[in-house]
N, C-alpha and C. Protein backbone atom coordinates (compact mmCIF):
# COMPACT_ATOMS: atom_id res chain seq x y z
N UNK A 1 27.83 61.44 13.12
CA UNK A 1 29.13 60.81 13.06
C UNK A 1 29.71 60.77 14.47
N UNK A 2 30.17 59.59 14.86
CA UNK A 2 30.75 59.39 16.18
C UNK A 2 32.13 60.04 16.25
N UNK A 3 32.37 60.72 17.37
CA UNK A 3 33.69 61.29 17.62
C UNK A 3 34.52 60.23 18.30
N UNK A 4 35.67 59.88 17.70
CA UNK A 4 36.48 58.83 18.27
C UNK A 4 37.96 59.19 18.37
N UNK A 5 38.29 60.44 18.06
CA UNK A 5 39.68 60.90 18.17
C UNK A 5 39.73 62.14 19.04
N UNK A 6 40.73 62.19 19.91
CA UNK A 6 40.86 63.32 20.83
C UNK A 6 40.96 64.63 20.08
N UNK A 7 41.64 64.66 18.93
CA UNK A 7 41.79 65.92 18.20
C UNK A 7 40.47 66.41 17.59
N UNK A 8 39.43 65.59 17.62
CA UNK A 8 38.11 66.05 17.19
C UNK A 8 37.44 66.87 18.30
N UNK A 9 37.91 66.71 19.53
CA UNK A 9 37.40 67.46 20.68
C UNK A 9 38.36 68.57 21.04
N UNK A 10 39.61 68.22 21.23
CA UNK A 10 40.64 69.16 21.66
C UNK A 10 41.48 69.57 20.46
N UNK A 11 41.17 70.75 19.91
CA UNK A 11 41.86 71.20 18.70
C UNK A 11 43.11 72.01 19.01
N UNK A 12 43.21 72.52 20.24
CA UNK A 12 44.36 73.36 20.62
C UNK A 12 44.23 74.80 20.15
N UNK A 13 43.18 75.11 19.40
CA UNK A 13 43.00 76.46 18.85
C UNK A 13 42.88 77.49 19.98
N UNK A 14 42.25 77.12 21.07
CA UNK A 14 42.04 78.05 22.17
C UNK A 14 43.16 78.12 23.18
N UNK A 15 44.28 77.45 22.91
CA UNK A 15 45.38 77.41 23.87
C UNK A 15 45.99 78.77 24.16
N UNK A 16 45.77 79.74 23.31
CA UNK A 16 46.35 81.08 23.50
C UNK A 16 45.34 82.06 24.08
N UNK A 17 44.23 81.54 24.62
CA UNK A 17 43.29 82.41 25.31
C UNK A 17 42.24 83.06 24.44
N UNK A 18 42.03 82.53 23.25
CA UNK A 18 40.98 83.04 22.39
C UNK A 18 40.09 81.88 21.94
N UNK A 19 38.91 82.24 21.48
CA UNK A 19 37.99 81.25 20.94
C UNK A 19 37.12 81.96 19.92
N UNK A 20 36.31 81.20 19.21
CA UNK A 20 35.47 81.79 18.18
C UNK A 20 34.00 81.58 18.51
N UNK A 21 33.18 82.48 17.97
CA UNK A 21 31.73 82.32 18.13
C UNK A 21 31.22 81.50 16.95
N UNK A 22 29.90 81.38 16.85
CA UNK A 22 29.28 80.59 15.79
C UNK A 22 29.65 81.08 14.40
N UNK A 23 29.93 82.38 14.27
CA UNK A 23 30.27 82.95 12.97
C UNK A 23 31.76 83.01 12.70
N UNK A 24 32.54 82.26 13.48
CA UNK A 24 34.00 82.18 13.33
C UNK A 24 34.69 83.52 13.56
N UNK A 25 34.11 84.36 14.40
CA UNK A 25 34.76 85.61 14.80
C UNK A 25 35.50 85.33 16.10
N UNK A 26 36.78 85.69 16.14
CA UNK A 26 37.63 85.38 17.28
C UNK A 26 37.49 86.43 18.38
N UNK A 27 37.37 85.95 19.62
CA UNK A 27 37.25 86.79 20.82
C UNK A 27 38.21 86.25 21.88
N UNK A 28 38.58 87.12 22.80
CA UNK A 28 39.31 86.68 23.98
C UNK A 28 38.38 85.80 24.81
N UNK A 29 38.92 84.77 25.45
CA UNK A 29 38.08 83.88 26.24
C UNK A 29 37.46 84.57 27.44
N UNK A 30 37.99 85.73 27.83
CA UNK A 30 37.37 86.45 28.95
C UNK A 30 36.38 87.52 28.47
N UNK A 31 36.04 87.51 27.19
CA UNK A 31 35.04 88.43 26.66
C UNK A 31 33.68 88.12 27.31
N UNK A 32 32.86 89.13 27.47
CA UNK A 32 31.53 88.96 28.05
C UNK A 32 30.71 87.95 27.25
N UNK A 33 30.99 87.78 25.97
CA UNK A 33 30.30 86.77 25.16
C UNK A 33 30.44 85.40 25.82
N UNK A 34 31.66 85.01 26.12
CA UNK A 34 31.88 83.68 26.68
C UNK A 34 31.46 83.60 28.15
N UNK A 35 31.48 84.73 28.82
CA UNK A 35 31.00 84.76 30.21
C UNK A 35 29.51 84.47 30.25
N UNK A 36 28.74 85.11 29.39
CA UNK A 36 27.29 84.86 29.41
C UNK A 36 26.98 83.46 28.89
N UNK A 37 27.66 83.01 27.84
CA UNK A 37 27.43 81.66 27.34
C UNK A 37 27.76 80.61 28.40
N UNK A 38 28.89 80.80 29.08
CA UNK A 38 29.31 79.85 30.10
C UNK A 38 28.39 79.83 31.31
N UNK A 39 27.88 81.00 31.68
CA UNK A 39 26.99 81.07 32.83
C UNK A 39 25.66 80.39 32.52
N UNK A 40 25.15 80.58 31.32
CA UNK A 40 23.91 79.90 30.94
C UNK A 40 24.14 78.40 30.82
N UNK A 41 25.30 78.00 30.34
CA UNK A 41 25.65 76.58 30.29
C UNK A 41 25.72 76.00 31.71
N UNK A 42 26.31 76.74 32.62
CA UNK A 42 26.36 76.32 34.03
C UNK A 42 24.95 76.18 34.59
N UNK A 43 24.08 77.11 34.28
CA UNK A 43 22.69 77.05 34.72
C UNK A 43 22.03 75.77 34.20
N UNK A 44 22.23 75.46 32.94
CA UNK A 44 21.64 74.25 32.37
C UNK A 44 22.17 73.01 33.07
N UNK A 45 23.44 73.01 33.44
CA UNK A 45 24.02 71.87 34.16
C UNK A 45 23.39 71.71 35.54
N UNK A 46 23.20 72.82 36.25
CA UNK A 46 22.55 72.76 37.56
C UNK A 46 21.11 72.27 37.39
N UNK A 47 20.44 72.74 36.36
CA UNK A 47 19.08 72.27 36.10
C UNK A 47 19.07 70.76 35.79
N UNK A 48 20.14 70.28 35.16
CA UNK A 48 20.26 68.84 34.92
C UNK A 48 20.28 68.06 36.22
N UNK A 49 20.96 68.59 37.23
CA UNK A 49 20.94 67.97 38.55
C UNK A 49 19.52 68.00 39.11
N UNK A 50 18.86 69.14 38.98
CA UNK A 50 17.48 69.27 39.46
C UNK A 50 16.57 68.24 38.78
N UNK A 51 16.77 68.05 37.49
CA UNK A 51 15.95 67.07 36.78
C UNK A 51 16.19 65.66 37.31
N UNK A 52 17.45 65.33 37.58
CA UNK A 52 17.76 63.99 38.09
C UNK A 52 17.11 63.74 39.45
N UNK A 53 16.93 64.79 40.24
CA UNK A 53 16.30 64.66 41.55
C UNK A 53 14.77 64.62 41.43
N UNK A 54 14.20 65.33 40.44
CA UNK A 54 12.75 65.50 40.37
C UNK A 54 12.06 64.74 39.25
N UNK A 55 12.73 64.58 38.13
CA UNK A 55 12.12 64.08 36.89
C UNK A 55 11.02 65.01 36.39
N UNK A 56 11.07 66.30 36.76
CA UNK A 56 10.11 67.28 36.24
C UNK A 56 10.44 67.52 34.77
N UNK A 57 9.57 67.10 33.90
CA UNK A 57 9.82 67.25 32.46
C UNK A 57 9.95 68.71 32.03
N UNK A 58 9.34 69.62 32.79
CA UNK A 58 9.45 71.04 32.47
C UNK A 58 10.91 71.50 32.45
N UNK A 59 11.72 70.87 33.27
CA UNK A 59 13.13 71.26 33.34
C UNK A 59 13.83 70.99 32.01
N UNK A 60 13.51 69.87 31.37
CA UNK A 60 14.11 69.56 30.07
C UNK A 60 13.70 70.60 29.02
N UNK A 61 12.44 71.03 29.06
CA UNK A 61 11.97 72.07 28.14
C UNK A 61 12.77 73.35 28.37
N UNK A 62 12.96 73.70 29.62
CA UNK A 62 13.72 74.90 29.97
C UNK A 62 15.16 74.78 29.49
N UNK A 63 15.78 73.63 29.69
CA UNK A 63 17.16 73.43 29.22
C UNK A 63 17.27 73.61 27.71
N UNK A 64 16.30 73.10 26.97
CA UNK A 64 16.33 73.27 25.51
C UNK A 64 16.18 74.75 25.13
N UNK A 65 15.34 75.47 25.86
CA UNK A 65 15.19 76.90 25.59
C UNK A 65 16.49 77.63 25.91
N UNK A 66 17.17 77.24 26.97
CA UNK A 66 18.46 77.85 27.29
C UNK A 66 19.48 77.60 26.17
N UNK A 67 19.43 76.42 25.57
CA UNK A 67 20.32 76.15 24.42
C UNK A 67 19.98 77.08 23.26
N UNK A 68 18.69 77.32 23.04
CA UNK A 68 18.28 78.25 21.98
C UNK A 68 18.79 79.66 22.28
N UNK A 69 18.68 80.07 23.54
CA UNK A 69 19.19 81.39 23.93
C UNK A 69 20.68 81.48 23.68
N UNK A 70 21.42 80.45 24.05
CA UNK A 70 22.87 80.47 23.82
C UNK A 70 23.20 80.52 22.33
N UNK A 71 22.43 79.85 21.51
CA UNK A 71 22.66 79.91 20.06
C UNK A 71 22.47 81.34 19.55
N UNK A 72 21.42 82.00 20.03
CA UNK A 72 21.18 83.40 19.62
C UNK A 72 22.32 84.31 20.08
N UNK A 73 22.77 84.13 21.30
CA UNK A 73 23.87 84.95 21.83
C UNK A 73 25.14 84.73 21.02
N UNK A 74 25.43 83.48 20.68
CA UNK A 74 26.69 83.12 20.01
C UNK A 74 26.71 83.51 18.53
N UNK A 75 25.59 83.94 17.99
CA UNK A 75 25.50 84.27 16.57
C UNK A 75 25.48 85.78 16.41
N UNK A 76 26.61 86.32 15.99
CA UNK A 76 26.74 87.77 15.91
C UNK A 76 26.20 88.35 14.60
N UNK A 77 26.06 87.53 13.58
CA UNK A 77 25.60 88.02 12.28
C UNK A 77 24.08 87.94 12.24
N UNK A 78 23.45 89.11 12.15
CA UNK A 78 21.99 89.20 12.20
C UNK A 78 21.32 88.33 11.14
N UNK A 79 21.87 88.30 9.95
CA UNK A 79 21.26 87.54 8.87
C UNK A 79 21.23 86.05 9.17
N UNK A 80 22.14 85.57 10.00
CA UNK A 80 22.16 84.15 10.35
C UNK A 80 21.25 83.84 11.53
N UNK A 81 20.97 84.82 12.37
CA UNK A 81 20.11 84.60 13.53
C UNK A 81 18.68 84.28 13.13
N UNK A 82 18.25 84.75 11.97
CA UNK A 82 16.86 84.51 11.55
C UNK A 82 16.57 83.01 11.34
N UNK A 83 17.62 82.22 11.15
CA UNK A 83 17.45 80.79 10.95
C UNK A 83 17.42 80.01 12.26
N UNK A 84 17.64 80.69 13.38
CA UNK A 84 17.67 80.05 14.69
C UNK A 84 16.30 80.13 15.36
N UNK A 85 16.10 79.27 16.34
CA UNK A 85 14.86 79.31 17.12
C UNK A 85 14.85 80.57 17.96
N UNK A 86 13.84 81.39 17.76
CA UNK A 86 13.72 82.66 18.47
C UNK A 86 12.96 82.46 19.78
N UNK A 87 13.29 83.24 20.77
CA UNK A 87 12.53 83.25 22.01
C UNK A 87 11.31 84.14 21.78
N UNK A 88 10.16 83.61 22.14
CA UNK A 88 8.91 84.32 21.89
C UNK A 88 8.16 84.53 23.20
N UNK A 89 7.17 85.39 23.16
CA UNK A 89 6.34 85.64 24.33
C UNK A 89 5.73 84.33 24.85
N UNK A 90 5.45 83.41 23.96
CA UNK A 90 4.88 82.11 24.35
C UNK A 90 5.82 81.35 25.29
N UNK A 91 7.12 81.47 25.10
CA UNK A 91 8.08 80.81 25.98
C UNK A 91 7.98 81.36 27.41
N UNK A 92 7.78 82.66 27.51
CA UNK A 92 7.63 83.31 28.81
C UNK A 92 6.30 82.90 29.44
N UNK A 93 5.25 82.85 28.64
CA UNK A 93 3.95 82.42 29.15
C UNK A 93 4.00 80.98 29.65
N UNK A 94 4.79 80.15 28.99
CA UNK A 94 4.97 78.76 29.45
C UNK A 94 5.52 78.75 30.88
N UNK A 95 6.54 79.57 31.14
CA UNK A 95 7.09 79.64 32.50
C UNK A 95 6.04 80.13 33.49
N UNK A 96 5.25 81.10 33.08
CA UNK A 96 4.21 81.63 33.97
C UNK A 96 3.15 80.58 34.28
N UNK A 97 2.82 79.74 33.30
CA UNK A 97 1.87 78.65 33.53
C UNK A 97 2.43 77.66 34.56
N UNK A 98 3.71 77.35 34.43
CA UNK A 98 4.34 76.43 35.40
C UNK A 98 4.38 77.08 36.78
N UNK A 99 4.67 78.39 36.82
CA UNK A 99 4.65 79.10 38.11
C UNK A 99 3.30 78.93 38.79
N UNK A 100 2.22 79.14 38.05
CA UNK A 100 0.87 79.01 38.61
C UNK A 100 0.63 77.59 39.12
N UNK A 101 1.09 76.61 38.38
CA UNK A 101 0.92 75.21 38.77
C UNK A 101 1.63 74.93 40.10
N UNK A 102 2.88 75.34 40.21
CA UNK A 102 3.65 75.04 41.42
C UNK A 102 3.29 75.95 42.60
N UNK A 103 2.77 77.10 42.31
CA UNK A 103 2.35 78.01 43.38
C UNK A 103 1.24 77.37 44.22
N UNK A 104 0.43 76.53 43.59
CA UNK A 104 -0.67 75.87 44.30
C UNK A 104 -0.17 74.92 45.38
N UNK A 105 1.03 74.36 45.21
CA UNK A 105 1.55 73.37 46.17
C UNK A 105 2.79 73.88 46.91
N UNK A 106 3.07 75.16 46.79
CA UNK A 106 4.26 75.69 47.47
C UNK A 106 3.88 76.35 48.78
N UNK A 107 4.88 76.50 49.61
CA UNK A 107 4.69 77.17 50.90
C UNK A 107 5.53 78.44 50.89
N UNK A 108 4.90 79.56 50.54
CA UNK A 108 5.61 80.83 50.46
C UNK A 108 4.97 81.80 51.44
N UNK A 109 5.81 82.40 52.26
CA UNK A 109 5.34 83.41 53.21
C UNK A 109 6.14 84.69 52.96
N UNK A 110 5.88 85.70 53.76
CA UNK A 110 6.63 86.96 53.63
C UNK A 110 7.93 86.93 54.44
N UNK A 111 8.25 85.81 55.02
CA UNK A 111 9.46 85.68 55.81
C UNK A 111 10.65 85.37 54.91
N UNK A 112 11.83 85.77 55.37
CA UNK A 112 13.06 85.45 54.64
C UNK A 112 13.26 83.93 54.68
N UNK A 113 13.69 83.37 53.57
CA UNK A 113 13.91 81.93 53.48
C UNK A 113 15.40 81.68 53.29
N UNK A 114 15.95 80.80 54.09
CA UNK A 114 17.33 80.39 53.86
C UNK A 114 17.36 79.45 52.66
N UNK A 115 18.18 79.75 51.66
CA UNK A 115 18.21 78.87 50.48
C UNK A 115 18.52 77.43 50.88
N UNK A 116 17.75 76.51 50.33
CA UNK A 116 17.96 75.10 50.56
C UNK A 116 17.46 74.59 51.90
N UNK A 117 16.75 75.42 52.65
CA UNK A 117 16.35 75.01 53.99
C UNK A 117 15.20 74.00 54.01
N UNK A 118 14.47 73.86 52.93
CA UNK A 118 13.33 72.94 52.92
C UNK A 118 13.72 71.50 52.64
N UNK A 119 14.66 71.29 51.73
CA UNK A 119 15.02 69.93 51.33
C UNK A 119 16.26 69.98 50.44
N UNK A 120 16.76 68.80 50.10
CA UNK A 120 17.87 68.72 49.15
C UNK A 120 17.44 69.30 47.80
N UNK A 121 16.21 68.99 47.40
CA UNK A 121 15.69 69.53 46.15
C UNK A 121 15.64 71.05 46.20
N UNK A 122 15.17 71.62 47.30
CA UNK A 122 15.11 73.09 47.38
C UNK A 122 16.51 73.68 47.29
N UNK A 123 17.51 72.98 47.84
CA UNK A 123 18.89 73.47 47.75
C UNK A 123 19.35 73.53 46.28
N UNK A 124 19.06 72.48 45.53
CA UNK A 124 19.45 72.46 44.11
C UNK A 124 18.71 73.53 43.31
N UNK A 125 17.41 73.66 43.58
CA UNK A 125 16.62 74.67 42.87
C UNK A 125 17.05 76.09 43.24
N UNK A 126 17.40 76.31 44.51
CA UNK A 126 17.90 77.63 44.90
C UNK A 126 19.25 77.92 44.25
N UNK A 127 20.09 76.90 44.11
CA UNK A 127 21.35 77.09 43.40
C UNK A 127 21.07 77.47 41.95
N UNK A 128 20.14 76.77 41.31
CA UNK A 128 19.78 77.09 39.93
C UNK A 128 19.24 78.52 39.83
N UNK A 129 18.45 78.94 40.83
CA UNK A 129 17.91 80.30 40.84
C UNK A 129 19.03 81.33 40.91
N UNK A 130 20.03 81.11 41.75
CA UNK A 130 21.10 82.10 41.87
C UNK A 130 21.97 82.14 40.61
N UNK A 131 22.17 81.00 39.98
CA UNK A 131 22.92 80.99 38.71
C UNK A 131 22.10 81.68 37.62
N UNK A 132 20.77 81.53 37.68
CA UNK A 132 19.90 82.24 36.74
C UNK A 132 20.07 83.75 36.91
N UNK A 133 20.09 84.21 38.15
CA UNK A 133 20.26 85.65 38.41
C UNK A 133 21.61 86.15 37.87
N UNK A 134 22.65 85.35 38.05
CA UNK A 134 23.95 85.74 37.49
C UNK A 134 23.90 85.76 35.96
N UNK A 135 23.19 84.80 35.38
CA UNK A 135 23.03 84.77 33.92
C UNK A 135 22.34 86.05 33.44
N UNK A 136 21.34 86.48 34.18
CA UNK A 136 20.66 87.74 33.84
C UNK A 136 21.65 88.90 33.83
N UNK A 137 22.43 89.01 34.90
CA UNK A 137 23.39 90.13 34.99
C UNK A 137 24.40 90.09 33.85
N UNK A 138 24.88 88.91 33.52
CA UNK A 138 25.85 88.77 32.43
C UNK A 138 25.19 89.11 31.09
N UNK A 139 23.93 88.71 30.92
CA UNK A 139 23.23 89.02 29.67
C UNK A 139 22.99 90.52 29.53
N UNK A 140 22.67 91.20 30.62
CA UNK A 140 22.50 92.66 30.57
C UNK A 140 23.80 93.31 30.09
N UNK A 141 24.92 92.88 30.64
CA UNK A 141 26.22 93.44 30.22
C UNK A 141 26.48 93.14 28.75
N UNK A 142 26.18 91.91 28.32
CA UNK A 142 26.39 91.54 26.92
C UNK A 142 25.53 92.39 25.99
N UNK A 143 24.25 92.54 26.33
CA UNK A 143 23.33 93.34 25.51
C UNK A 143 23.85 94.77 25.40
N UNK A 144 24.28 95.34 26.51
CA UNK A 144 24.80 96.72 26.51
C UNK A 144 26.11 96.83 25.73
N UNK A 145 26.99 95.86 25.90
CA UNK A 145 28.31 95.90 25.24
C UNK A 145 28.20 95.76 23.73
N UNK A 146 27.34 94.85 23.27
CA UNK A 146 27.26 94.55 21.84
C UNK A 146 25.98 95.08 21.18
N UNK A 147 25.24 95.92 21.90
CA UNK A 147 24.02 96.52 21.35
C UNK A 147 23.11 95.45 20.75
N UNK A 148 22.79 94.44 21.56
CA UNK A 148 21.99 93.29 21.11
C UNK A 148 20.58 93.33 21.70
N UNK A 149 19.86 94.39 21.37
CA UNK A 149 18.49 94.53 21.86
C UNK A 149 17.60 93.39 21.38
N UNK A 150 18.03 92.66 20.36
CA UNK A 150 17.25 91.52 19.89
C UNK A 150 17.12 90.43 20.96
N UNK A 151 17.93 90.53 22.01
CA UNK A 151 17.91 89.52 23.08
C UNK A 151 17.03 89.93 24.26
N UNK A 152 16.21 90.97 24.10
CA UNK A 152 15.43 91.48 25.23
C UNK A 152 14.46 90.44 25.78
N UNK A 153 13.83 89.62 24.93
CA UNK A 153 12.94 88.58 25.44
C UNK A 153 13.71 87.47 26.16
N UNK A 154 14.95 87.27 25.79
CA UNK A 154 15.80 86.30 26.50
C UNK A 154 16.01 86.77 27.94
N UNK A 155 16.18 88.06 28.09
CA UNK A 155 16.35 88.63 29.43
C UNK A 155 15.07 88.46 30.26
N UNK A 156 13.93 88.70 29.65
CA UNK A 156 12.64 88.50 30.33
C UNK A 156 12.49 87.03 30.71
N UNK A 157 12.88 86.13 29.80
CA UNK A 157 12.79 84.70 30.07
C UNK A 157 13.61 84.32 31.31
N UNK A 158 14.84 84.80 31.38
CA UNK A 158 15.69 84.48 32.54
C UNK A 158 15.10 85.05 33.82
N UNK A 159 14.57 86.25 33.76
CA UNK A 159 13.96 86.86 34.94
C UNK A 159 12.78 86.03 35.43
N UNK A 160 11.93 85.60 34.51
CA UNK A 160 10.78 84.78 34.88
C UNK A 160 11.23 83.41 35.38
N UNK A 161 12.29 82.88 34.79
CA UNK A 161 12.80 81.58 35.23
C UNK A 161 13.27 81.63 36.68
N UNK A 162 13.91 82.70 37.07
CA UNK A 162 14.37 82.78 38.47
C UNK A 162 13.18 82.81 39.42
N UNK A 163 12.09 83.47 39.03
CA UNK A 163 10.87 83.45 39.84
C UNK A 163 10.33 82.02 39.96
N UNK A 164 10.27 81.33 38.84
CA UNK A 164 9.77 79.96 38.83
C UNK A 164 10.61 79.06 39.74
N UNK A 165 11.92 79.18 39.65
CA UNK A 165 12.78 78.33 40.46
C UNK A 165 12.61 78.61 41.95
N UNK A 166 12.37 79.87 42.30
CA UNK A 166 12.08 80.21 43.70
C UNK A 166 10.82 79.48 44.15
N UNK A 167 9.77 79.53 43.33
CA UNK A 167 8.50 78.88 43.67
C UNK A 167 8.68 77.37 43.77
N UNK A 168 9.39 76.79 42.81
CA UNK A 168 9.59 75.34 42.82
C UNK A 168 10.36 74.91 44.07
N UNK A 169 11.29 75.73 44.52
CA UNK A 169 12.09 75.40 45.70
C UNK A 169 11.28 75.48 46.99
N UNK A 170 10.12 76.11 46.93
CA UNK A 170 9.30 76.28 48.13
C UNK A 170 8.17 75.24 48.21
N UNK A 171 8.33 74.13 47.50
CA UNK A 171 7.30 73.09 47.54
C UNK A 171 7.14 72.57 48.97
N UNK A 172 5.90 72.24 49.32
CA UNK A 172 5.63 71.67 50.64
C UNK A 172 6.41 70.37 50.80
N UNK A 173 6.76 70.07 52.00
CA UNK A 173 7.51 68.81 52.28
C UNK A 173 6.75 67.64 51.70
N UNK A 174 7.51 66.70 51.16
CA UNK A 174 6.91 65.50 50.58
C UNK A 174 6.45 65.69 49.16
N UNK A 175 6.63 66.88 48.60
CA UNK A 175 6.22 67.13 47.21
C UNK A 175 7.42 67.11 46.32
């Protein structure tokens, strides 16, 4: 159904500094829940810029996985999470396969690298990497605050993603 009225987007419910999660539980907008959700959303947006510059289809797969991670985070009721797409070891292995692929054409040394120093693309990928690292830190806090050990593979996924983005940003010139 097409949204064609402003009140279908802007409900005013959050005007007092609160919002709800997927299970209609109300939280303050500065709760770590919304911090981690927003940071992962920001990461996906930066990856969208990276995709526009590269057309690397892997980025779209990663963005969809980030949406799955956000759905899991936003769902506080365990019985409802079982109906969502779970992050699996296979998702992490997918990132590792891409790492191996890009490692073959990257230029990585033991020297310190200034973020974005290789190209405009490396700048965007380095930005995505730093937002990924912040997403990891926010997810650690969320897991600790809400005792959500079920998200441990999501944390591994974000950690591996930051490695991949570092490698992708180190592509040889002209790649």
